[in-house]
């Protein structure tokens, strides 16, 4: 009898241990090496709905796209060094990033690991932006069949003689006004030292003196 009880108890422990290791349901970031903040951004949590104001109307972008992000690297890095930086992050699917030419320099389209949710992508962007060799990190958004990548530039139209007002506003935001081609349209560059990304800057300019219109500049491509 004692022998049977011992056998029964041993089988019970084995079944308990097996069931404790089994994962029920999807594991959004399984096999993705990530920090504790990324792990805590679990599926089912609330996500940020992004929007900006243009011509006194709010344009909604929804939550971030989960398969790609845009980054800019510090100047002077080789392609191999850039790939080595991205390879440090387990949530990056491919270290080789596609380049996107902008007025202020190169951006890189970075593919993310499968299974991330929008909240996890937001945390991943924070981790990328915290790297001193990465000067900008921003999301993509879905717009029908198109992908809108939020670049590090904003397009700003000013009133005649409004350049000085824009320069002062950009300085307060830690952004840089690039040289104009002689028109009243200016490109403003943002980076990780700015107080926010292009969406935040555009919203910051609303109602400001000398500003006619401000729009974030997007990289537009077909969804993948």
C-alpha atoms as a PDB file:
ATOM      1  CA  UNK A   1       0.000   0.000   0.000  1.00  0.00           C
ATOM      2  CA  UNK A   2       2.810   2.371   0.977  1.00  0.00           C
ATOM      3  CA  UNK A   3       4.576   1.556  -2.305  1.00  0.00           C
ATOM      4  CA  UNK A   4       1.427   2.396  -4.307  1.00  0.00           C
ATOM      5  CA  UNK A   5       1.010   5.729  -2.500  1.00  0.00           C
ATOM      6  CA  UNK A   6       4.615   6.639  -3.228  1.00  0.00           C
ATOM      7  CA  UNK A   7       4.158   5.834  -6.919  1.00  0.00           C
ATOM      8  CA  UNK A   8       0.941   7.834  -7.060  1.00  0.00           C
ATOM      9  CA  UNK A   9       2.565  10.860  -5.399  1.00  0.00           C
ATOM     10  CA  UNK A  10       5.526  10.709  -7.797  1.00  0.00           C
ATOM     11  CA  UNK A  11       3.225  10.668 -10.819  1.00  0.00           C
ATOM     12  CA  UNK A  12       1.260  13.609  -9.392  1.00  0.00           C
ATOM     13  CA  UNK A  13       4.418  15.714  -9.021  1.00  0.00           C
ATOM     14  CA  UNK A  14       5.473  14.894 -12.576  1.00  0.00           C
ATOM     15  CA  UNK A  15       2.101  15.912 -14.000  1.00  0.00           C
ATOM     16  CA  UNK A  16       2.083  19.119 -11.913  1.00  0.00           C
ATOM     17  CA  UNK A  17       5.549  20.096 -13.103  1.00  0.00           C
ATOM     18  CA  UNK A  18       4.625  19.409 -16.736  1.00  0.00           C
ATOM     19  CA  UNK A  19       1.424  21.445 -16.571  1.00  0.00           C
ATOM     20  CA  UNK A  20       3.258  24.342 -14.891  1.00  0.00           C
ATOM     21  CA  UNK A  21       5.677  24.607 -17.814  1.00  0.00           C
ATOM     22  CA  UNK A  22       2.991  24.540 -20.491  1.00  0.00           C
ATOM     23  CA  UNK A  23       1.974  27.931 -22.000  1.00  0.00           C
ATOM     24  CA  UNK A  24      -1.678  28.506 -22.736  1.00  0.00           C
ATOM     25  CA  UNK A  25      -2.598  30.957 -25.486  1.00  0.00           C
ATOM     26  CA  UNK A  26      -0.315  33.102 -27.618  1.00  0.00           C
ATOM     27  CA  UNK A  27       3.047  34.255 -26.315  1.00  0.00           C
ATOM     28  CA  UNK A  28       3.481  37.643 -28.023  1.00  0.00           C
ATOM     29  CA  UNK A  29       7.230  37.942 -27.441  1.00  0.00           C
ATOM     30  CA  UNK A  30       8.289  34.318 -27.084  1.00  0.00           C
ATOM     31  CA  UNK A  31      11.907  33.791 -28.149  1.00  0.00           C
ATOM     32  CA  UNK A  32      12.427  37.565 -28.275  1.00  0.00           C
ATOM     33  CA  UNK A  33      15.117  38.730 -25.871  1.00  0.00           C
ATOM     34  CA  UNK A  34      13.811  41.893 -24.264  1.00  0.00           C
ATOM     35  CA  UNK A  35      14.039  43.915 -21.106  1.00  0.00           C
ATOM     36  CA  UNK A  36      11.477  43.729 -18.293  1.00  0.00           C
ATOM     37  CA  UNK A  37       9.627  46.828 -19.522  1.00  0.00           C
ATOM     38  CA  UNK A  38       8.998  45.201 -22.883  1.00  0.00           C
ATOM     39  CA  UNK A  39       7.841  42.001 -21.198  1.00  0.00           C
ATOM     40  CA  UNK A  40       5.337  43.902 -19.063  1.00  0.00           C
ATOM     41  CA  UNK A  41       3.654  45.428 -22.116  1.00  0.00           C
ATOM     42  CA  UNK A  42       1.463  42.363 -22.538  1.00  0.00           C
ATOM     43  CA  UNK A  43      -1.244  41.716 -25.101  1.00  0.00           C
ATOM     44  CA  UNK A  44      -4.631  43.079 -24.131  1.00  0.00           C
ATOM     45  CA  UNK A  45      -3.286  46.211 -22.487  1.00  0.00           C
ATOM     46  CA  UNK A  46      -4.383  49.662 -23.666  1.00  0.00           C
ATOM     47  CA  UNK A  47      -2.351  51.285 -26.430  1.00  0.00           C
ATOM     48  CA  UNK A  48      -1.775  54.904 -27.370  1.00  0.00           C
ATOM     49  CA  UNK A  49      -3.895  56.298 -30.200  1.00  0.00           C
ATOM     50  CA  UNK A  50      -1.805  58.909 -31.988  1.00  0.00           C
ATOM     51  CA  UNK A  51      -3.101  62.036 -33.694  1.00  0.00           C
ATOM     52  CA  UNK A  52      -1.998  65.469 -34.803  1.00  0.00           C
ATOM     53  CA  UNK A  53      -3.726  68.743 -35.638  1.00  0.00           C
ATOM     54  CA  UNK A  54      -3.585  70.234 -39.131  1.00  0.00           C
ATOM     55  CA  UNK A  55      -5.655  73.194 -40.355  1.00  0.00           C
ATOM     56  CA  UNK A  56      -7.484  73.133 -37.030  1.00  0.00           C
ATOM     57  CA  UNK A  57      -8.624  69.547 -37.664  1.00  0.00           C
ATOM     58  CA  UNK A  58      -7.454  66.471 -35.812  1.00  0.00           C
ATOM     59  CA  UNK A  59      -6.015  63.690 -37.955  1.00  0.00           C
ATOM     60  CA  UNK A  60      -6.044  60.308 -36.266  1.00  0.00           C
ATOM     61  CA  UNK A  61      -3.278  57.785 -36.917  1.00  0.00           C
ATOM     62  CA  UNK A  62      -4.378  55.071 -34.488  1.00  0.00           C
ATOM     63  CA  UNK A  63      -1.932  52.771 -32.708  1.00  0.00           C
ATOM     64  CA  UNK A  64       1.579  52.070 -33.942  1.00  0.00           C
ATOM     65  CA  UNK A  65       2.309  49.474 -36.619  1.00  0.00           C
ATOM     66  CA  UNK A  66       4.003  46.455 -35.080  1.00  0.00           C
ATOM     67  CA  UNK A  67       6.322  45.223 -37.824  1.00  0.00           C
ATOM     68  CA  UNK A  68       8.601  48.167 -38.577  1.00  0.00           C
ATOM     69  CA  UNK A  69      10.101  51.328 -37.082  1.00  0.00           C
ATOM     70  CA  UNK A  70      12.299  54.143 -38.372  1.00  0.00           C
ATOM     71  CA  UNK A  71      15.636  55.042 -36.820  1.00  0.00           C
ATOM     72  CA  UNK A  72      18.471  57.472 -37.513  1.00  0.00           C
ATOM     73  CA  UNK A  73      22.053  56.767 -36.492  1.00  0.00           C
ATOM     74  CA  UNK A  74      24.754  59.117 -35.291  1.00  0.00           C
ATOM     75  CA  UNK A  75      26.977  60.358 -38.103  1.00  0.00           C
ATOM     76  CA  UNK A  76      30.242  58.639 -38.885  1.00  0.00           C
ATOM     77  CA  UNK A  77      29.090  55.048 -38.372  1.00  0.00           C
ATOM     78  CA  UNK A  78      29.747  52.401 -40.995  1.00  0.00           C
ATOM     79  CA  UNK A  79      27.018  50.061 -42.247  1.00  0.00           C
ATOM     80  CA  UNK A  80      28.624  47.240 -40.261  1.00  0.00           C
ATOM     81  CA  UNK A  81      28.575  49.317 -37.070  1.00  0.00           C
ATOM     82  CA  UNK A  82      24.928  50.219 -37.601  1.00  0.00           C
ATOM     83  CA  UNK A  83      24.031  46.545 -38.057  1.00  0.00           C
ATOM     84  CA  UNK A  84      25.969  45.632 -34.909  1.00  0.00           C
ATOM     85  CA  UNK A  85      23.970  48.197 -32.931  1.00  0.00           C
ATOM     86  CA  UNK A  86      20.636  46.801 -34.142  1.00  0.00           C
ATOM     87  CA  UNK A  87      21.781  43.220 -33.518  1.00  0.00           C
ATOM     88  CA  UNK A  88      21.917  44.000 -29.781  1.00  0.00           C
ATOM     89  CA  UNK A  89      18.127  44.100 -29.651  1.00  0.00           C
ATOM     90  CA  UNK A  90      16.216  40.843 -29.651  1.00  0.00           C
ATOM     91  CA  UNK A  91      13.062  42.581 -30.859  1.00  0.00           C
ATOM     92  CA  UNK A  92      14.826  43.530 -34.131  1.00  0.00           C
ATOM     93  CA  UNK A  93      14.136  40.937 -36.810  1.00  0.00           C
ATOM     94  CA  UNK A  94      16.868  41.912 -39.278  1.00  0.00           C
ATOM     95  CA  UNK A  95      19.977  43.916 -38.459  1.00  0.00           C
ATOM     96  CA  UNK A  96      20.315  44.991 -42.114  1.00  0.00           C
ATOM     97  CA  UNK A  97      18.002  48.006 -42.393  1.00  0.00           C
ATOM     98  CA  UNK A  98      16.678  49.607 -45.581  1.00  0.00           C
ATOM     99  CA  UNK A  99      17.812  53.209 -46.024  1.00  0.00           C
ATOM    100  CA  UNK A 100      15.422  56.114 -46.596  1.00  0.00           C
ATOM    101  CA  UNK A 101      16.864  59.396 -47.920  1.00  0.00           C
ATOM    102  CA  UNK A 102      15.623  62.574 -46.223  1.00  0.00           C
ATOM    103  CA  UNK A 103      16.557  66.256 -46.544  1.00  0.00           C
ATOM    104  CA  UNK A 104      18.370  66.097 -43.212  1.00  0.00           C
ATOM    105  CA  UNK A 105      20.113  62.765 -43.789  1.00  0.00           C
ATOM    106  CA  UNK A 106      19.446  59.037 -43.858  1.00  0.00           C
ATOM    107  CA  UNK A 107      16.735  57.169 -41.983  1.00  0.00           C
ATOM    108  CA  UNK A 108      16.634  53.376 -41.697  1.00  0.00           C
ATOM    109  CA  UNK A 109      13.559  51.169 -41.920  1.00  0.00           C
ATOM    110  CA  UNK A 110      13.997  48.444 -39.276  1.00  0.00           C
ATOM    111  CA  UNK A 111      11.969  45.198 -39.324  1.00  0.00           C
ATOM    112  CA  UNK A 112      10.736  43.971 -35.934  1.00  0.00           C
ATOM    113  CA  UNK A 113      10.294  40.449 -34.614  1.00  0.00           C
ATOM    114  CA  UNK A 114       6.918  38.802 -35.152  1.00  0.00           C
ATOM    115  CA  UNK A 115       4.363  38.775 -32.357  1.00  0.00           C
ATOM    116  CA  UNK A 116       4.869  42.205 -30.788  1.00  0.00           C
ATOM    117  CA  UNK A 117       1.865  44.293 -29.809  1.00  0.00           C
ATOM    118  CA  UNK A 118       1.674  48.118 -30.102  1.00  0.00           C
ATOM    119  CA  UNK A 119       2.527  48.615 -26.437  1.00  0.00           C
ATOM    120  CA  UNK A 120       5.663  46.527 -26.802  1.00  0.00           C
ATOM    121  CA  UNK A 121       6.689  48.467 -29.910  1.00  0.00           C
ATOM    122  CA  UNK A 122       6.350  51.726 -27.964  1.00  0.00           C
ATOM    123  CA  UNK A 123       8.692  50.363 -25.281  1.00  0.00           C
ATOM    124  CA  UNK A 124      11.059  49.079 -27.981  1.00  0.00           C
ATOM    125  CA  UNK A 125      11.184  52.595 -29.445  1.00  0.00           C
ATOM    126  CA  UNK A 126      12.112  53.980 -26.037  1.00  0.00           C
ATOM    127  CA  UNK A 127      14.941  51.473 -25.744  1.00  0.00           C
ATOM    128  CA  UNK A 128      16.242  52.324 -29.212  1.00  0.00           C
ATOM    129  CA  UNK A 129      16.073  56.058 -28.510  1.00  0.00           C
ATOM    130  CA  UNK A 130      18.065  55.502 -25.319  1.00  0.00           C
ATOM    131  CA  UNK A 131      21.068  54.276 -27.311  1.00  0.00           C
ATOM    132  CA  UNK A 132      23.586  57.150 -27.742  1.00  0.00           C
ATOM    133  CA  UNK A 133      24.383  55.897 -31.265  1.00  0.00           C
ATOM    134  CA  UNK A 134      20.727  56.225 -32.328  1.00  0.00           C
ATOM    135  CA  UNK A 135      19.596  59.822 -32.775  1.00  0.00           C
ATOM    136  CA  UNK A 136      15.931  59.203 -33.637  1.00  0.00           C
ATOM    137  CA  UNK A 137      13.402  56.379 -33.350  1.00  0.00           C
ATOM    138  CA  UNK A 138       9.774  56.604 -34.450  1.00  0.00           C
ATOM    139  CA  UNK A 139       6.875  54.343 -35.448  1.00  0.00           C
ATOM    140  CA  UNK A 140       4.950  53.493 -38.585  1.00  0.00           C
ATOM    141  CA  UNK A 141       1.164  53.723 -38.800  1.00  0.00           C
ATOM    142  CA  UNK A 142      -1.345  51.907 -40.996  1.00  0.00           C
ATOM    143  CA  UNK A 143      -3.462  54.083 -43.309  1.00  0.00           C
ATOM    144  CA  UNK A 144      -5.604  51.784 -45.409  1.00  0.00           C
ATOM    145  CA  UNK A 145      -3.180  49.864 -47.636  1.00  0.00           C
ATOM    146  CA  UNK A 146      -0.378  52.320 -46.944  1.00  0.00           C
ATOM    147  CA  UNK A 147       2.261  52.551 -44.246  1.00  0.00           C
ATOM    148  CA  UNK A 148       3.112  55.982 -42.879  1.00  0.00           C
ATOM    149  CA  UNK A 149       6.566  56.167 -41.315  1.00  0.00           C
ATOM    150  CA  UNK A 150       6.974  59.130 -38.974  1.00  0.00           C
ATOM    151  CA  UNK A 151      10.219  60.794 -40.068  1.00  0.00           C
ATOM    152  CA  UNK A 152      12.415  63.167 -38.110  1.00  0.00           C
ATOM    153  CA  UNK A 153      11.209  66.146 -40.152  1.00  0.00           C
ATOM    154  CA  UNK A 154       8.221  68.489 -40.048  1.00  0.00           C
ATOM    155  CA  UNK A 155       7.079  70.731 -42.899  1.00  0.00           C
ATOM    156  CA  UNK A 156       6.186  74.221 -41.694  1.00  0.00           C
ATOM    157  CA  UNK A 157       4.756  77.122 -43.697  1.00  0.00           C
ATOM    158  CA  UNK A 158       5.172  80.560 -42.120  1.00  0.00           C
ATOM    159  CA  UNK A 159       3.763  83.999 -42.802  1.00  0.00           C
ATOM    160  CA  UNK A 160       5.903  86.531 -44.624  1.00  0.00           C
ATOM    161  CA  UNK A 161       8.640  87.465 -42.194  1.00  0.00           C
ATOM    162  CA  UNK A 162       7.721  84.578 -39.897  1.00  0.00           C
ATOM    163  CA  UNK A 163      11.066  82.773 -40.091  1.00  0.00           C
ATOM    164  CA  UNK A 164      12.365  84.313 -36.848  1.00  0.00           C
ATOM    165  CA  UNK A 165       9.246  83.189 -34.975  1.00  0.00           C
ATOM    166  CA  UNK A 166       9.737  79.643 -36.270  1.00  0.00           C
ATOM    167  CA  UNK A 167      13.412  79.644 -35.328  1.00  0.00           C
ATOM    168  CA  UNK A 168      12.577  80.722 -31.793  1.00  0.00           C
ATOM    169  CA  UNK A 169       9.852  78.073 -31.443  1.00  0.00           C
ATOM    170  CA  UNK A 170      12.183  75.405 -32.815  1.00  0.00           C
ATOM    171  CA  UNK A 171      14.909  76.476 -30.392  1.00  0.00           C
ATOM    172  CA  UNK A 172      12.505  76.098 -27.459  1.00  0.00           C
ATOM    173  CA  UNK A 173      11.693  72.581 -28.713  1.00  0.00           C
ATOM    174  CA  UNK A 174      15.361  71.690 -29.292  1.00  0.00           C
ATOM    175  CA  UNK A 175      14.731  71.314 -33.022  1.00  0.00           C
ATOM    176  CA  UNK A 176      16.649  72.665 -36.021  1.00  0.00           C
ATOM    177  CA  UNK A 177      15.258  74.783 -38.880  1.00  0.00           C
ATOM    178  CA  UNK A 178      16.959  73.776 -42.132  1.00  0.00           C
ATOM    179  CA  UNK A 179      17.791  76.359 -44.831  1.00  0.00           C
ATOM    180  CA  UNK A 180      14.846  77.213 -47.093  1.00  0.00           C
ATOM    181  CA  UNK A 181      14.852  77.428 -50.886  1.00  0.00           C
ATOM    182  CA  UNK A 182      13.559  80.984 -50.657  1.00  0.00           C
ATOM    183  CA  UNK A 183       9.878  80.168 -50.070  1.00  0.00           C
ATOM    184  CA  UNK A 184       7.977  80.367 -46.808  1.00  0.00           C
ATOM    185  CA  UNK A 185       8.102  76.575 -46.445  1.00  0.00           C
ATOM    186  CA  UNK A 186      10.694  75.247 -44.012  1.00  0.00           C
ATOM    187  CA  UNK A 187      11.853  71.801 -42.962  1.00  0.00           C
ATOM    188  CA  UNK A 188      12.419  71.363 -39.244  1.00  0.00           C
ATOM    189  CA  UNK A 189      14.636  68.501 -38.099  1.00  0.00           C
ATOM    190  CA  UNK A 190      14.083  66.688 -34.811  1.00  0.00           C
ATOM    191  CA  UNK A 191      16.235  64.203 -32.912  1.00  0.00           C
ATOM    192  CA  UNK A 192      16.420  62.478 -29.531  1.00  0.00           C
ATOM    193  CA  UNK A 193      17.372  65.779 -27.869  1.00  0.00           C
ATOM    194  CA  UNK A 194      14.121  67.391 -29.005  1.00  0.00           C
ATOM    195  CA  UNK A 195      11.171  67.600 -26.640  1.00  0.00           C
ATOM    196  CA  UNK A 196       9.210  65.189 -28.820  1.00  0.00           C
ATOM    197  CA  UNK A 197       8.889  63.730 -32.303  1.00  0.00           C
ATOM    198  CA  UNK A 198       7.432  65.359 -35.421  1.00  0.00           C
ATOM    199  CA  UNK A 199       3.837  64.759 -34.241  1.00  0.00           C
ATOM    200  CA  UNK A 200       4.507  66.506 -30.947  1.00  0.00           C
ATOM    201  CA  UNK A 201       6.249  69.397 -32.685  1.00  0.00           C
ATOM    202  CA  UNK A 202       3.389  69.932 -35.139  1.00  0.00           C
ATOM    203  CA  UNK A 203       0.883  69.982 -32.284  1.00  0.00           C
ATOM    204  CA  UNK A 204       3.163  72.365 -30.367  1.00  0.00           C
ATOM    205  CA  UNK A 205       3.070  74.850 -33.270  1.00  0.00           C
ATOM    206  CA  UNK A 206      -0.717  75.055 -33.444  1.00  0.00           C
ATOM    207  CA  UNK A 207      -1.937  78.602 -32.810  1.00  0.00           C
ATOM    208  CA  UNK A 208       1.587  80.013 -32.591  1.00  0.00           C
ATOM    209  CA  UNK A 209       2.320  83.448 -34.057  1.00  0.00           C
ATOM    210  CA  UNK A 210       3.620  83.449 -37.633  1.00  0.00           C
ATOM    211  CA  UNK A 211       2.730  79.795 -38.336  1.00  0.00           C
ATOM    212  CA  UNK A 212       0.396  79.171 -41.288  1.00  0.00           C
ATOM    213  CA  UNK A 213       0.517  75.360 -41.425  1.00  0.00           C
ATOM    214  CA  UNK A 214       2.562  72.515 -39.987  1.00  0.00           C
ATOM    215  CA  UNK A 215       2.569  68.854 -41.009  1.00  0.00           C
ATOM    216  CA  UNK A 216       4.719  65.879 -40.004  1.00  0.00           C
ATOM    217  CA  UNK A 217       6.630  64.418 -42.942  1.00  0.00           C
ATOM    218  CA  UNK A 218       5.889  60.734 -43.534  1.00  0.00           C
ATOM    219  CA  UNK A 219       7.631  57.975 -45.473  1.00  0.00           C
ATOM    220  CA  UNK A 220       4.766  56.451 -47.484  1.00  0.00           C
ATOM    221  CA  UNK A 221       4.886  52.872 -48.742  1.00  0.00           C
ATOM    222  CA  UNK A 222       2.564  49.954 -49.366  1.00  0.00           C
ATOM    223  CA  UNK A 223       1.863  47.723 -46.366  1.00  0.00           C
ATOM    224  CA  UNK A 224       3.967  44.570 -46.170  1.00  0.00           C
END
